[in-house]
Amino acid sequence: MVRRHSRQALAHENTILAAKNFLVEMENGATLEQLEFIASAAGDIALFWHLIGNPDEIPLYELQG
């Protein structure tokens, strides 16, 4: 049970970090290949794309972590 919770928490954290990194790199002119690589690190792809579309919600998800 604890191990499962840890994996879920890690996936959540990785997703938030990937979204933040994706947005920064996108602003800095990253290539599509670079952005795809960053997106592949997301543990929860649905949450990742939600955060990309709603970057103002990232701090709320960080607090939930």
PDB file of N, CA and C in Angstrom:
ATOM      1  N   MET A   1       0.827  -1.196   0.000  1.00  0.00           N
ATOM      2  CA  MET A   1       0.000   0.000   0.000  1.00  0.00           C
ATOM      3  C   MET A   1       0.874   1.263   0.000  1.00  0.00           C
ATOM      4  N   VAL A   2       1.857   1.281   0.881  1.00  0.00           N
ATOM      5  CA  VAL A   2       2.727   2.451   0.959  1.00  0.00           C
ATOM      6  C   VAL A   2       3.520   2.601  -0.336  1.00  0.00           C
ATOM      7  N   ARG A   3       3.992   1.488  -0.870  1.00  0.00           N
ATOM      8  CA  ARG A   3       4.773   1.534  -2.109  1.00  0.00           C
ATOM      9  C   ARG A   3       3.928   2.085  -3.251  1.00  0.00           C
ATOM     10  N   ARG A   4       2.666   1.662  -3.319  1.00  0.00           N
ATOM     11  CA  ARG A   4       1.770   2.139  -4.370  1.00  0.00           C
ATOM     12  C   ARG A   4       1.541   3.640  -4.241  1.00  0.00           C
ATOM     13  N   HIS A   5       1.330   4.095  -3.002  1.00  0.00           N
ATOM     14  CA  HIS A   5       1.124   5.520  -2.761  1.00  0.00           C
ATOM     15  C   HIS A   5       2.374   6.296  -3.172  1.00  0.00           C
ATOM     16  N   SER A   6       3.540   5.759  -2.869  1.00  0.00           N
ATOM     17  CA  SER A   6       4.786   6.438  -3.234  1.00  0.00           C
ATOM     18  C   SER A   6       4.922   6.556  -4.740  1.00  0.00           C
ATOM     19  N   ARG A   7       4.564   5.505  -5.465  1.00  0.00           N
ATOM     20  CA  ARG A   7       4.632   5.560  -6.925  1.00  0.00           C
ATOM     21  C   ARG A   7       3.664   6.600  -7.475  1.00  0.00           C
ATOM     22  N   GLN A   8       2.470   6.644  -6.907  1.00  0.00           N
ATOM     23  CA  GLN A   8       1.483   7.624  -7.364  1.00  0.00           C
ATOM     24  C   GLN A   8       1.962   9.039  -7.073  1.00  0.00           C
ATOM     25  N   ALA A   9       2.527   9.241  -5.895  1.00  0.00           N
ATOM     26  CA  ALA A   9       3.036  10.567  -5.532  1.00  0.00           C
ATOM     27  C   ALA A   9       4.191  10.963  -6.449  1.00  0.00           C
ATOM     28  N   LEU A  10       5.055  10.020  -6.761  1.00  0.00           N
ATOM     29  CA  LEU A  10       6.181  10.296  -7.649  1.00  0.00           C
ATOM     30  C   LEU A  10       5.700  10.612  -9.064  1.00  0.00           C
ATOM     31  N   ALA A  11       4.719   9.868  -9.545  1.00  0.00           N
ATOM     32  CA  ALA A  11       4.160  10.127 -10.878  1.00  0.00           C
ATOM     33  C   ALA A  11       3.525  11.512 -10.921  1.00  0.00           C
ATOM     34  N   HIS A  12       2.830  11.888  -9.854  1.00  0.00           N
ATOM     35  CA  HIS A  12       2.193  13.203  -9.754  1.00  0.00           C
ATOM     36  C   HIS A  12       3.261  14.303  -9.792  1.00  0.00           C
ATOM     37  N   GLU A  13       4.309  14.112  -9.008  1.00  0.00           N
ATOM     38  CA  GLU A  13       5.386  15.090  -8.937  1.00  0.00           C
ATOM     39  C   GLU A  13       6.118  15.203 -10.277  1.00  0.00           C
ATOM     40  N   ASN A  14       6.396  14.072 -10.901  1.00  0.00           N
ATOM     41  CA  ASN A  14       7.061  14.083 -12.209  1.00  0.00           C
ATOM     42  C   ASN A  14       6.215  14.794 -13.258  1.00  0.00           C
ATOM     43  N   THR A  15       4.922  14.612 -13.188  1.00  0.00           N
ATOM     44  CA  THR A  15       4.020  15.244 -14.143  1.00  0.00           C
ATOM     45  C   THR A  15       4.047  16.753 -13.998  1.00  0.00           C
ATOM     46  N   ILE A  16       4.022  17.234 -12.783  1.00  0.00           N
ATOM     47  CA  ILE A  16       4.060  18.680 -12.537  1.00  0.00           C
ATOM     48  C   ILE A  16       5.391  19.262 -13.013  1.00  0.00           C
ATOM     49  N   LEU A  17       6.487  18.586 -12.685  1.00  0.00           N
ATOM     50  CA  LEU A  17       7.796  19.062 -13.119  1.00  0.00           C
ATOM     51  C   LEU A  17       7.921  19.044 -14.644  1.00  0.00           C
ATOM     52  N   ALA A  18       7.399  18.003 -15.271  1.00  0.00           N
ATOM     53  CA  ALA A  18       7.447  17.922 -16.733  1.00  0.00           C
ATOM     54  C   ALA A  18       6.652  19.066 -17.365  1.00  0.00           C
ATOM     55  N   ALA A  19       5.488  19.359 -16.802  1.00  0.00           N
ATOM     56  CA  ALA A  19       4.663  20.449 -17.340  1.00  0.00           C
ATOM     57  C   ALA A  19       5.374  21.793 -17.204  1.00  0.00           C
ATOM     58  N   LYS A  20       5.966  22.032 -16.039  1.00  0.00           N
ATOM     59  CA  LYS A  20       6.686  23.284 -15.837  1.00  0.00           C
ATOM     60  C   LYS A  20       7.864  23.399 -16.802  1.00  0.00           C
ATOM     61  N   ASN A  21       8.610  22.328 -16.945  1.00  0.00           N
ATOM     62  CA  ASN A  21       9.758  22.318 -17.843  1.00  0.00           C
ATOM     63  C   ASN A  21       9.322  22.502 -19.293  1.00  0.00           C
ATOM     64  N   PHE A  22       8.247  21.839 -19.683  1.00  0.00           N
ATOM     65  CA  PHE A  22       7.713  21.938 -21.040  1.00  0.00           C
ATOM     66  C   PHE A  22       7.383  23.389 -21.373  1.00  0.00           C
ATOM     67  N   LEU A  23       6.693  24.069 -20.463  1.00  0.00           N
ATOM     68  CA  LEU A  23       6.298  25.459 -20.711  1.00  0.00           C
ATOM     69  C   LEU A  23       7.510  26.381 -20.838  1.00  0.00           C
ATOM     70  N   VAL A  24       8.511  26.181 -19.987  1.00  0.00           N
ATOM     71  CA  VAL A  24       9.714  27.005 -20.043  1.00  0.00           C
ATOM     72  C   VAL A  24      10.464  26.766 -21.348  1.00  0.00           C
ATOM     73  N   GLU A  25      10.643  25.498 -21.689  1.00  0.00           N
ATOM     74  CA  GLU A  25      11.381  25.172 -22.911  1.00  0.00           C
ATOM     75  C   GLU A  25      10.633  25.627 -24.162  1.00  0.00           C
ATOM     76  N   MET A  26       9.305  25.557 -24.117  1.00  0.00           N
ATOM     77  CA  MET A  26       8.511  26.020 -25.246  1.00  0.00           C
ATOM     78  C   MET A  26       8.736  27.516 -25.461  1.00  0.00           C
ATOM     79  N   GLU A  27       8.756  28.273 -24.375  1.00  0.00           N
ATOM     80  CA  GLU A  27       9.014  29.718 -24.462  1.00  0.00           C
ATOM     81  C   GLU A  27      10.410  30.009 -24.994  1.00  0.00           C
ATOM     82  N   ASN A  28      11.348  29.114 -24.708  1.00  0.00           N
ATOM     83  CA  ASN A  28      12.733  29.310 -25.120  1.00  0.00           C
ATOM     84  C   ASN A  28      13.021  28.749 -26.510  1.00  0.00           C
ATOM     85  N   GLY A  29      11.980  28.337 -27.222  1.00  0.00           N
ATOM     86  CA  GLY A  29      12.149  27.904 -28.600  1.00  0.00           C
ATOM     87  C   GLY A  29      12.622  26.470 -28.775  1.00  0.00           C
ATOM     88  N   ALA A  30      12.271  25.600 -27.866  1.00  0.00           N
ATOM     89  CA  ALA A  30      12.677  24.191 -27.979  1.00  0.00           C
ATOM     90  C   ALA A  30      12.098  23.562 -29.245  1.00  0.00           C
ATOM     91  N   THR A  31      12.793  22.561 -29.740  1.00  0.00           N
ATOM     92  CA  THR A  31      12.306  21.843 -30.920  1.00  0.00           C
ATOM     93  C   THR A  31      11.178  20.895 -30.522  1.00  0.00           C
ATOM     94  N   LEU A  32      10.440  20.433 -31.498  1.00  0.00           N
ATOM     95  CA  LEU A  32       9.370  19.479 -31.247  1.00  0.00           C
ATOM     96  C   LEU A  32       9.922  18.209 -30.598  1.00  0.00           C
ATOM     97  N   GLU A  33      11.071  17.780 -31.037  1.00  0.00           N
ATOM     98  CA  GLU A  33      11.704  16.583 -30.475  1.00  0.00           C
ATOM     99  C   GLU A  33      12.018  16.778 -28.995  1.00  0.00           C
ATOM    100  N   GLN A  34      12.519  17.942 -28.628  1.00  0.00           N
ATOM    101  CA  GLN A  34      12.821  18.241 -27.227  1.00  0.00           C
ATOM    102  C   GLN A  34      11.538  18.258 -26.391  1.00  0.00           C
ATOM    103  N   LEU A  35      10.485  18.856 -26.925  1.00  0.00           N
ATOM    104  CA  LEU A  35       9.223  18.921 -26.200  1.00  0.00           C
ATOM    105  C   LEU A  35       8.607  17.538 -26.042  1.00  0.00           C
ATOM    106  N   GLU A  36       8.711  16.706 -27.052  1.00  0.00           N
ATOM    107  CA  GLU A  36       8.205  15.335 -26.956  1.00  0.00           C
ATOM    108  C   GLU A  36       8.955  14.562 -25.876  1.00  0.00           C
ATOM    109  N   PHE A  37      10.251  14.770 -25.796  1.00  0.00           N
ATOM    110  CA  PHE A  37      11.056  14.099 -24.779  1.00  0.00           C
ATOM    111  C   PHE A  37      10.601  14.510 -23.380  1.00  0.00           C
ATOM    112  N   ILE A  38      10.366  15.793 -23.179  1.00  0.00           N
ATOM    113  CA  ILE A  38       9.902  16.294 -21.880  1.00  0.00           C
ATOM    114  C   ILE A  38       8.533  15.708 -21.552  1.00  0.00           C
ATOM    115  N   ALA A  39       7.634  15.699 -22.519  1.00  0.00           N
ATOM    116  CA  ALA A  39       6.287  15.167 -22.301  1.00  0.00           C
ATOM    117  C   ALA A  39       6.321  13.697 -21.936  1.00  0.00           C
ATOM    118  N   SER A  40       7.299  12.966 -22.450  1.00  0.00           N
ATOM    119  CA  SER A  40       7.381  11.531 -22.161  1.00  0.00           C
ATOM    120  C   SER A  40       7.711  11.252 -20.700  1.00  0.00           C
ATOM    121  N   ALA A  41       8.194  12.245 -19.971  1.00  0.00           N
ATOM    122  CA  ALA A  41       8.523  12.074 -18.555  1.00  0.00           C
ATOM    123  C   ALA A  41       7.302  12.198 -17.647  1.00  0.00           C
ATOM    124  N   ALA A  42       6.198  12.632 -18.196  1.00  0.00           N
ATOM    125  CA  ALA A  42       4.982  12.817 -17.384  1.00  0.00           C
ATOM    126  C   ALA A  42       4.439  11.463 -16.935  1.00  0.00           C
ATOM    127  N   GLY A  43       4.135  11.363 -15.649  1.00  0.00           N
ATOM    128  CA  GLY A  43       3.569  10.131 -15.123  1.00  0.00           C
ATOM    129  C   GLY A  43       2.085  10.016 -15.400  1.00  0.00           C
ATOM    130  N   ASP A  44       1.406  11.131 -15.533  1.00  0.00           N
ATOM    131  CA  ASP A  44      -0.040  11.167 -15.781  1.00  0.00           C
ATOM    132  C   ASP A  44      -0.260  12.099 -16.975  1.00  0.00           C
ATOM    133  N   ILE A  45      -0.397  11.506 -18.138  1.00  0.00           N
ATOM    134  CA  ILE A  45      -0.448  12.294 -19.372  1.00  0.00           C
ATOM    135  C   ILE A  45      -1.672  13.212 -19.429  1.00  0.00           C
ATOM    136  N   ALA A  46      -2.792  12.760 -18.874  1.00  0.00           N
ATOM    137  CA  ALA A  46      -3.993  13.607 -18.865  1.00  0.00           C
ATOM    138  C   ALA A  46      -3.763  14.849 -18.007  1.00  0.00           C
ATOM    139  N   LEU A  47      -3.169  14.667 -16.845  1.00  0.00           N
ATOM    140  CA  LEU A  47      -2.867  15.806 -15.972  1.00  0.00           C
ATOM    141  C   LEU A  47      -1.837  16.719 -16.639  1.00  0.00           C
ATOM    142  N   PHE A  48      -0.854  16.126 -17.283  1.00  0.00           N
ATOM    143  CA  PHE A  48       0.178  16.906 -17.975  1.00  0.00           C
ATOM    144  C   PHE A  48      -0.445  17.870 -18.971  1.00  0.00           C
ATOM    145  N   TRP A  49      -1.284  17.363 -19.872  1.00  0.00           N
ATOM    146  CA  TRP A  49      -1.885  18.226 -20.894  1.00  0.00           C
ATOM    147  C   TRP A  49      -2.882  19.206 -20.287  1.00  0.00           C
ATOM    148  N   HIS A  50      -3.517  18.831 -19.181  1.00  0.00           N
ATOM    149  CA  HIS A  50      -4.397  19.768 -18.484  1.00  0.00           C
ATOM    150  C   HIS A  50      -3.569  20.955 -17.975  1.00  0.00           C
ATOM    151  N   LEU A  51      -2.406  20.657 -17.381  1.00  0.00           N
ATOM    152  CA  LEU A  51      -1.561  21.724 -16.849  1.00  0.00           C
ATOM    153  C   LEU A  51      -0.959  22.581 -17.952  1.00  0.00           C
ATOM    154  N   ILE A  52      -0.651  21.984 -19.096  1.00  0.00           N
ATOM    155  CA  ILE A  52      -0.131  22.764 -20.218  1.00  0.00           C
ATOM    156  C   ILE A  52      -1.196  23.762 -20.678  1.00  0.00           C
ATOM    157  N   GLY A  53      -2.441  23.330 -20.687  1.00  0.00           N
ATOM    158  CA  GLY A  53      -3.541  24.205 -21.092  1.00  0.00           C
ATOM    159  C   GLY A  53      -3.973  25.189 -20.025  1.00  0.00           C
ATOM    160  N   ASN A  54      -3.611  24.901 -18.769  1.00  0.00           N
ATOM    161  CA  ASN A  54      -4.016  25.738 -17.635  1.00  0.00           C
ATOM    162  C   ASN A  54      -2.828  25.962 -16.694  1.00  0.00           C
ATOM    163  N   PRO A  55      -1.793  26.622 -17.161  1.00  0.00           N
ATOM    164  CA  PRO A  55      -0.576  26.748 -16.350  1.00  0.00           C
ATOM    165  C   PRO A  55      -0.775  27.475 -15.022  1.00  0.00           C
ATOM    166  N   ASP A  56      -1.813  28.281 -14.934  1.00  0.00           N
ATOM    167  CA  ASP A  56      -2.085  28.984 -13.671  1.00  0.00           C
ATOM    168  C   ASP A  56      -2.503  28.023 -12.566  1.00  0.00           C
ATOM    169  N   GLU A  57      -2.862  26.783 -12.908  1.00  0.00           N
ATOM    170  CA  GLU A  57      -3.272  25.791 -11.908  1.00  0.00           C
ATOM    171  C   GLU A  57      -2.089  24.987 -11.360  1.00  0.00           C
ATOM    172  N   ILE A  58      -0.911  25.145 -11.934  1.00  0.00           N
ATOM    173  CA  ILE A  58       0.257  24.372 -11.480  1.00  0.00           C
ATOM    174  C   ILE A  58       0.512  24.549  -9.979  1.00  0.00           C
ATOM    175  N   PRO A  59       0.506  25.775  -9.446  1.00  0.00           N
ATOM    176  CA  PRO A  59       0.738  25.908  -8.001  1.00  0.00           C
ATOM    177  C   PRO A  59      -0.296  25.158  -7.145  1.00  0.00           C
ATOM    178  N   LEU A  60      -1.515  25.082  -7.606  1.00  0.00           N
ATOM    179  CA  LEU A  60      -2.544  24.345  -6.845  1.00  0.00           C
ATOM    180  C   LEU A  60      -2.212  22.858  -6.787  1.00  0.00           C
ATOM    181  N   TYR A  61      -1.747  22.306  -7.890  1.00  0.00           N
ATOM    182  CA  TYR A  61      -1.387  20.895  -7.929  1.00  0.00           C
ATOM    183  C   TYR A  61      -0.113  20.632  -7.137  1.00  0.00           C
ATOM    184  N   GLU A  62       0.786  21.606  -7.084  1.00  0.00           N
ATOM    185  CA  GLU A  62       2.011  21.448  -6.281  1.00  0.00           C
ATOM    186  C   GLU A  62       1.662  21.359  -4.797  1.00  0.00           C
ATOM    187  N   LEU A  63       0.680  22.130  -4.374  1.00  0.00           N
ATOM    188  CA  LEU A  63       0.270  22.088  -2.975  1.00  0.00           C
ATOM    189  C   LEU A  63      -0.390  20.768  -2.598  1.00  0.00           C
ATOM    190  N   GLN A  64      -1.054  20.141  -3.548  1.00  0.00           N
ATOM    191  CA  GLN A  64      -1.721  18.867  -3.295  1.00  0.00           C
ATOM    192  C   GLN A  64      -0.727  17.735  -3.125  1.00  0.00           C
ATOM    193  N   GLY A  65       0.466  17.885  -3.723  1.00  0.00           N
ATOM    194  CA  GLY A  65       1.484  16.846  -3.729  1.00  0.00           C
ATOM    195  C   GLY A  65       1.693  16.219  -2.425  1.00  0.00           C
TER     196      GLY A  65
END
